[in-house]
């Protein structure tokens, strides 16, 4: 089991990732509102979502490896 300190650090990491993701979404929505090329912006949004999921999966995998060793 995780102790409180490790859990808080982990929670802060994910909170920072989520805040960054929200800021990216706000920027993309603003770009959609102020441009006519919606297709390009939504393709970029799909790419950012994929990168975000990859970052979370990689961080979970790294944490598991650190706990095993």
PDB file of N, CA and C in Angstrom:
ATOM      1  N   UNK A   1       0.837  -1.195   0.000  1.00  0.00           N
ATOM      2  CA  UNK A   1       0.000   0.000   0.000  1.00  0.00           C
ATOM      3  C   UNK A   1       0.879   1.253   0.000  1.00  0.00           C
ATOM      4  N   UNK A   2       0.330   2.323  -0.540  1.00  0.00           N
ATOM      5  CA  UNK A   2       1.046   3.592  -0.553  1.00  0.00           C
ATOM      6  C   UNK A   2       0.837   4.319   0.761  1.00  0.00           C
ATOM      7  N   UNK A   3       1.881   4.959   1.237  1.00  0.00           N
ATOM      8  CA  UNK A   3       1.657   5.805   2.404  1.00  0.00           C
ATOM      9  C   UNK A   3       1.117   7.159   1.940  1.00  0.00           C
ATOM     10  N   UNK A   4       0.732   7.987   2.878  1.00  0.00           N
ATOM     11  CA  UNK A   4       0.063   9.254   2.532  1.00  0.00           C
ATOM     12  C   UNK A   4       0.938  10.164   1.688  1.00  0.00           C
ATOM     13  N   UNK A   5       2.224  10.219   2.019  1.00  0.00           N
ATOM     14  CA  UNK A   5       3.108  11.144   1.305  1.00  0.00           C
ATOM     15  C   UNK A   5       3.240  10.751  -0.169  1.00  0.00           C
ATOM     16  N   UNK A   6       3.441   9.459  -0.452  1.00  0.00           N
ATOM     17  CA  UNK A   6       3.552   9.009  -1.840  1.00  0.00           C
ATOM     18  C   UNK A   6       2.253   9.267  -2.598  1.00  0.00           C
ATOM     19  N   UNK A   7       1.124   9.023  -1.951  1.00  0.00           N
ATOM     20  CA  UNK A   7      -0.160   9.238  -2.613  1.00  0.00           C
ATOM     21  C   UNK A   7      -0.362  10.707  -2.942  1.00  0.00           C
ATOM     22  N   UNK A   8       0.021  11.603  -2.034  1.00  0.00           N
ATOM     23  CA  UNK A   8      -0.137  13.037  -2.285  1.00  0.00           C
ATOM     24  C   UNK A   8       0.737  13.493  -3.444  1.00  0.00           C
ATOM     25  N   UNK A   9       1.969  12.989  -3.522  1.00  0.00           N
ATOM     26  CA  UNK A   9       2.850  13.357  -4.625  1.00  0.00           C
ATOM     27  C   UNK A   9       2.251  12.870  -5.945  1.00  0.00           C
ATOM     28  N   UNK A  10       1.750  11.640  -5.936  1.00  0.00           N
ATOM     29  CA  UNK A  10       1.160  11.081  -7.150  1.00  0.00           C
ATOM     30  C   UNK A  10      -0.062  11.898  -7.572  1.00  0.00           C
ATOM     31  N   UNK A  11      -0.886  12.259  -6.614  1.00  0.00           N
ATOM     32  CA  UNK A  11      -2.088  13.034  -6.910  1.00  0.00           C
ATOM     33  C   UNK A  11      -1.724  14.407  -7.465  1.00  0.00           C
ATOM     34  N   UNK A  12      -0.675  15.027  -6.920  1.00  0.00           N
ATOM     35  CA  UNK A  12      -0.248  16.329  -7.420  1.00  0.00           C
ATOM     36  C   UNK A  12       0.271  16.225  -8.852  1.00  0.00           C
ATOM     37  N   UNK A  13       0.969  15.133  -9.172  1.00  0.00           N
ATOM     38  CA  UNK A  13       1.459  14.937 -10.539  1.00  0.00           C
ATOM     39  C   UNK A  13       0.297  14.882 -11.520  1.00  0.00           C
ATOM     40  N   UNK A  14      -0.723  14.089 -11.190  1.00  0.00           N
ATOM     41  CA  UNK A  14      -1.860  13.963 -12.099  1.00  0.00           C
ATOM     42  C   UNK A  14      -2.679  15.243 -12.161  1.00  0.00           C
ATOM     43  N   UNK A  15      -2.727  15.966 -11.044  1.00  0.00           N
ATOM     44  CA  UNK A  15      -3.436  17.243 -11.043  1.00  0.00           C
ATOM     45  C   UNK A  15      -2.738  18.239 -11.970  1.00  0.00           C
ATOM     46  N   UNK A  16      -1.408  18.238 -11.958  1.00  0.00           N
ATOM     47  CA  UNK A  16      -0.659  19.122 -12.850  1.00  0.00           C
ATOM     48  C   UNK A  16      -0.888  18.730 -14.315  1.00  0.00           C
ATOM     49  N   UNK A  17      -0.886  17.430 -14.590  1.00  0.00           N
ATOM     50  CA  UNK A  17      -1.164  16.975 -15.959  1.00  0.00           C
ATOM     51  C   UNK A  17      -2.562  17.399 -16.403  1.00  0.00           C
ATOM     52  N   UNK A  18      -3.535  17.239 -15.522  1.00  0.00           N
ATOM     53  CA  UNK A  18      -4.910  17.594 -15.858  1.00  0.00           C
ATOM     54  C   UNK A  18      -5.053  19.095 -16.086  1.00  0.00           C
ATOM     55  N   UNK A  19      -4.388  19.904 -15.263  1.00  0.00           N
ATOM     56  CA  UNK A  19      -4.451  21.355 -15.451  1.00  0.00           C
ATOM     57  C   UNK A  19      -3.851  21.757 -16.785  1.00  0.00           C
ATOM     58  N   UNK A  20      -2.723  21.142 -17.146  1.00  0.00           N
ATOM     59  CA  UNK A  20      -2.118  21.419 -18.446  1.00  0.00           C
ATOM     60  C   UNK A  20      -3.034  21.025 -19.585  1.00  0.00           C
ATOM     61  N   UNK A  21      -3.694  19.884 -19.439  1.00  0.00           N
ATOM     62  CA  UNK A  21      -4.602  19.406 -20.480  1.00  0.00           C
ATOM     63  C   UNK A  21      -5.793  20.347 -20.631  1.00  0.00           C
ATOM     64  N   UNK A  22      -6.311  20.846 -19.520  1.00  0.00           N
ATOM     65  CA  UNK A  22      -7.433  21.786 -19.565  1.00  0.00           C
ATOM     66  C   UNK A  22      -7.015  23.079 -20.260  1.00  0.00           C
ATOM     67  N   UNK A  23      -5.806  23.561 -19.964  1.00  0.00           N
ATOM     68  CA  UNK A  23      -5.321  24.778 -20.629  1.00  0.00           C
ATOM     69  C   UNK A  23      -5.177  24.565 -22.131  1.00  0.00           C
ATOM     70  N   UNK A  24      -4.692  23.388 -22.532  1.00  0.00           N
ATOM     71  CA  UNK A  24      -4.572  23.082 -23.963  1.00  0.00           C
ATOM     72  C   UNK A  24      -5.955  23.065 -24.611  1.00  0.00           C
ATOM     73  N   UNK A  25      -6.934  22.452 -23.924  1.00  0.00           N
ATOM     74  CA  UNK A  25      -8.287  22.407 -24.476  1.00  0.00           C
ATOM     75  C   UNK A  25      -8.881  23.803 -24.640  1.00  0.00           C
ATOM     76  N   UNK A  26      -8.663  24.657 -23.652  1.00  0.00           N
ATOM     77  CA  UNK A  26      -9.164  26.029 -23.747  1.00  0.00           C
ATOM     78  C   UNK A  26      -8.529  26.745 -24.938  1.00  0.00           C
ATOM     79  N   UNK A  27      -7.219  26.532 -25.132  1.00  0.00           N
ATOM     80  CA  UNK A  27      -6.537  27.158 -26.266  1.00  0.00           C
ATOM     81  C   UNK A  27      -7.083  26.643 -27.588  1.00  0.00           C
ATOM     82  N   UNK A  28      -7.342  25.347 -27.669  1.00  0.00           N
ATOM     83  CA  UNK A  28      -7.858  24.773 -28.916  1.00  0.00           C
ATOM     84  C   UNK A  28      -9.277  25.255 -29.189  1.00  0.00           C
ATOM     85  N   UNK A  29     -10.104  25.329 -28.163  1.00  0.00           N
ATOM     86  CA  UNK A  29     -11.473  25.833 -28.351  1.00  0.00           C
ATOM     87  C   UNK A  29     -11.434  27.291 -28.795  1.00  0.00           C
ATOM     88  N   UNK A  30     -10.529  28.080 -28.207  1.00  0.00           N
ATOM     89  CA  UNK A  30     -10.366  29.462 -28.651  1.00  0.00           C
ATOM     90  C   UNK A  30      -9.934  29.531 -30.101  1.00  0.00           C
ATOM     91  N   UNK A  31      -9.037  28.631 -30.501  1.00  0.00           N
ATOM     92  CA  UNK A  31      -8.601  28.606 -31.900  1.00  0.00           C
ATOM     93  C   UNK A  31      -9.755  28.231 -32.828  1.00  0.00           C
ATOM     94  N   UNK A  32     -10.605  27.315 -32.393  1.00  0.00           N
ATOM     95  CA  UNK A  32     -11.770  26.940 -33.210  1.00  0.00           C
ATOM     96  C   UNK A  32     -12.700  28.139 -33.377  1.00  0.00           C
ATOM     97  N   UNK A  33     -12.900  28.890 -32.296  1.00  0.00           N
ATOM     98  CA  UNK A  33     -13.825  30.011 -32.352  1.00  0.00           C
ATOM     99  C   UNK A  33     -13.309  31.138 -33.252  1.00  0.00           C
ATOM    100  N   UNK A  34     -11.988  31.314 -33.314  1.00  0.00           N
ATOM    101  CA  UNK A  34     -11.440  32.457 -34.035  1.00  0.00           C
ATOM    102  C   UNK A  34     -10.837  32.116 -35.391  1.00  0.00           C
ATOM    103  N   UNK A  35     -10.973  30.863 -35.829  1.00  0.00           N
ATOM    104  CA  UNK A  35     -10.454  30.512 -37.159  1.00  0.00           C
ATOM    105  C   UNK A  35     -11.557  29.873 -37.979  1.00  0.00           C
ATOM    106  N   UNK A  36     -11.320  29.819 -39.276  1.00  0.00           N
ATOM    107  CA  UNK A  36     -12.269  29.161 -40.173  1.00  0.00           C
ATOM    108  C   UNK A  36     -11.867  27.717 -40.463  1.00  0.00           C
ATOM    109  N   UNK A  37     -10.635  27.353 -40.141  1.00  0.00           N
ATOM    110  CA  UNK A  37     -10.144  26.009 -40.444  1.00  0.00           C
ATOM    111  C   UNK A  37     -10.391  25.081 -39.260  1.00  0.00           C
ATOM    112  N   UNK A  38     -11.625  24.672 -39.092  1.00  0.00           N
ATOM    113  CA  UNK A  38     -11.987  23.833 -37.955  1.00  0.00           C
ATOM    114  C   UNK A  38     -11.367  22.443 -38.093  1.00  0.00           C
ATOM    115  N   UNK A  39     -11.237  21.932 -39.320  1.00  0.00           N
ATOM    116  CA  UNK A  39     -10.711  20.583 -39.518  1.00  0.00           C
ATOM    117  C   UNK A  39      -9.280  20.471 -39.000  1.00  0.00           C
ATOM    118  N   UNK A  40      -8.453  21.474 -39.282  1.00  0.00           N
ATOM    119  CA  UNK A  40      -7.061  21.442 -38.828  1.00  0.00           C
ATOM    120  C   UNK A  40      -6.981  21.480 -37.306  1.00  0.00           C
ATOM    121  N   UNK A  41      -7.825  22.292 -36.698  1.00  0.00           N
ATOM    122  CA  UNK A  41      -7.784  22.432 -35.241  1.00  0.00           C
ATOM    123  C   UNK A  41      -8.255  21.156 -34.564  1.00  0.00           C
ATOM    124  N   UNK A  42      -9.306  20.530 -35.074  1.00  0.00           N
ATOM    125  CA  UNK A  42      -9.801  19.300 -34.440  1.00  0.00           C
ATOM    126  C   UNK A  42      -8.826  18.147 -34.649  1.00  0.00           C
ATOM    127  N   UNK A  43      -8.116  18.121 -35.763  1.00  0.00           N
ATOM    128  CA  UNK A  43      -7.074  17.106 -35.953  1.00  0.00           C
ATOM    129  C   UNK A  43      -5.974  17.308 -34.919  1.00  0.00           C
ATOM    130  N   UNK A  44      -5.602  18.549 -34.678  1.00  0.00           N
ATOM    131  CA  UNK A  44      -4.610  18.842 -33.644  1.00  0.00           C
ATOM    132  C   UNK A  44      -5.096  18.446 -32.269  1.00  0.00           C
ATOM    133  N   UNK A  45      -6.391  18.637 -32.000  1.00  0.00           N
ATOM    134  CA  UNK A  45      -6.950  18.257 -30.710  1.00  0.00           C
ATOM    135  C   UNK A  45      -6.882  16.746 -30.517  1.00  0.00           C
ATOM    136  N   UNK A  46      -7.202  15.992 -31.561  1.00  0.00           N
ATOM    137  CA  UNK A  46      -7.095  14.530 -31.483  1.00  0.00           C
ATOM    138  C   UNK A  46      -5.670  14.092 -31.183  1.00  0.00           C
ATOM    139  N   UNK A  47      -4.708  14.758 -31.813  1.00  0.00           N
ATOM    140  CA  UNK A  47      -3.305  14.443 -31.559  1.00  0.00           C
ATOM    141  C   UNK A  47      -2.934  14.748 -30.112  1.00  0.00           C
ATOM    142  N   UNK A  48      -3.405  15.880 -29.580  1.00  0.00           N
ATOM    143  CA  UNK A  48      -3.100  16.242 -28.193  1.00  0.00           C
ATOM    144  C   UNK A  48      -3.715  15.256 -27.203  1.00  0.00           C
ATOM    145  N   UNK A  49      -4.924  14.777 -27.502  1.00  0.00           N
ATOM    146  CA  UNK A  49      -5.550  13.773 -26.632  1.00  0.00           C
ATOM    147  C   UNK A  49      -4.716  12.492 -26.629  1.00  0.00           C
ATOM    148  N   UNK A  50      -4.248  12.085 -27.804  1.00  0.00           N
ATOM    149  CA  UNK A  50      -3.420  10.884 -27.893  1.00  0.00           C
ATOM    150  C   UNK A  50      -2.121  11.049 -27.110  1.00  0.00           C
ATOM    151  N   UNK A  51      -1.504  12.219 -27.202  1.00  0.00           N
ATOM    152  CA  UNK A  51      -0.270  12.482 -26.459  1.00  0.00           C
ATOM    153  C   UNK A  51      -0.544  12.460 -24.954  1.00  0.00           C
ATOM    154  N   UNK A  52      -1.651  13.030 -24.535  1.00  0.00           N
ATOM    155  CA  UNK A  52      -2.002  13.059 -23.113  1.00  0.00           C
ATOM    156  C   UNK A  52      -2.183  11.642 -22.578  1.00  0.00           C
ATOM    157  N   UNK A  53      -2.895  10.792 -23.322  1.00  0.00           N
ATOM    158  CA  UNK A  53      -3.097   9.408 -22.893  1.00  0.00           C
ATOM    159  C   UNK A  53      -1.764   8.668 -22.837  1.00  0.00           C
ATOM    160  N   UNK A  54      -0.887   8.926 -23.816  1.00  0.00           N
ATOM    161  CA  UNK A  54       0.424   8.292 -23.825  1.00  0.00           C
ATOM    162  C   UNK A  54       1.249   8.713 -22.608  1.00  0.00           C
ATOM    163  N   UNK A  55       1.189   9.984 -22.239  1.00  0.00           N
ATOM    164  CA  UNK A  55       1.950  10.470 -21.079  1.00  0.00           C
ATOM    165  C   UNK A  55       1.462   9.803 -19.800  1.00  0.00           C
ATOM    166  N   UNK A  56       0.153   9.666 -19.638  1.00  0.00           N
ATOM    167  CA  UNK A  56      -0.380   9.013 -18.437  1.00  0.00           C
ATOM    168  C   UNK A  56       0.036   7.543 -18.403  1.00  0.00           C
ATOM    169  N   UNK A  57      -0.080   6.847 -19.539  1.00  0.00           N
ATOM    170  CA  UNK A  57       0.299   5.433 -19.575  1.00  0.00           C
ATOM    171  C   UNK A  57       1.782   5.258 -19.277  1.00  0.00           C
ATOM    172  N   UNK A  58       2.605   6.138 -19.828  1.00  0.00           N
ATOM    173  CA  UNK A  58       4.044   6.040 -19.581  1.00  0.00           C
ATOM    174  C   UNK A  58       4.370   6.304 -18.120  1.00  0.00           C
ATOM    175  N   UNK A  59       3.706   7.283 -17.502  1.00  0.00           N
ATOM    176  CA  UNK A  59       3.994   7.585 -16.095  1.00  0.00           C
ATOM    177  C   UNK A  59       3.571   6.425 -15.198  1.00  0.00           C
ATOM    178  N   UNK A  60       2.452   5.782 -15.510  1.00  0.00           N
ATOM    179  CA  UNK A  60       2.015   4.626 -14.716  1.00  0.00           C
ATOM    180  C   UNK A  60       3.010   3.483 -14.868  1.00  0.00           C
ATOM    181  N   UNK A  61       3.481   3.246 -16.089  1.00  0.00           N
ATOM    182  CA  UNK A  61       4.441   2.171 -16.330  1.00  0.00           C
ATOM    183  C   UNK A  61       5.757   2.446 -15.604  1.00  0.00           C
ATOM    184  N   UNK A  62       6.213   3.699 -15.621  1.00  0.00           N
ATOM    185  CA  UNK A  62       7.459   4.054 -14.934  1.00  0.00           C
ATOM    186  C   UNK A  62       7.310   3.873 -13.431  1.00  0.00           C
ATOM    187  N   UNK A  63       6.172   4.261 -12.879  1.00  0.00           N
ATOM    188  CA  UNK A  63       5.953   4.101 -11.437  1.00  0.00           C
ATOM    189  C   UNK A  63       5.946   2.627 -11.042  1.00  0.00           C
ATOM    190  N   UNK A  64       5.336   1.772 -11.869  1.00  0.00           N
ATOM    191  CA  UNK A  64       5.320   0.338 -11.562  1.00  0.00           C
ATOM    192  C   UNK A  64       6.730  -0.228 -11.569  1.00  0.00           C
ATOM    193  N   UNK A  65       7.542   0.172 -12.533  1.00  0.00           N
ATOM    194  CA  UNK A  65       8.922  -0.313 -12.589  1.00  0.00           C
ATOM    195  C   UNK A  65       9.728   0.174 -11.392  1.00  0.00           C
ATOM    196  N   UNK A  66       9.495   1.407 -10.960  1.00  0.00           N
ATOM    197  CA  UNK A  66      10.230   1.938  -9.810  1.00  0.00           C
ATOM    198  C   UNK A  66       9.842   1.192  -8.533  1.00  0.00           C
ATOM    199  N   UNK A  67       8.567   0.819  -8.406  1.00  0.00           N
ATOM    200  CA  UNK A  67       8.125   0.095  -7.212  1.00  0.00           C
ATOM    201  C   UNK A  67       8.663  -1.330  -7.194  1.00  0.00           C
ATOM    202  N   UNK A  68       8.802  -1.954  -8.377  1.00  0.00           N
ATOM    203  CA  UNK A  68       9.307  -3.322  -8.438  1.00  0.00           C
ATOM    204  C   UNK A  68      10.777  -3.398  -8.062  1.00  0.00           C
ATOM    205  N   UNK A  69      11.556  -2.385  -8.422  1.00  0.00           N
ATOM    206  CA  UNK A  69      13.003  -2.440  -8.150  1.00  0.00           C
ATOM    207  C   UNK A  69      13.371  -1.913  -6.778  1.00  0.00           C
TER     208      UNK A  69
END
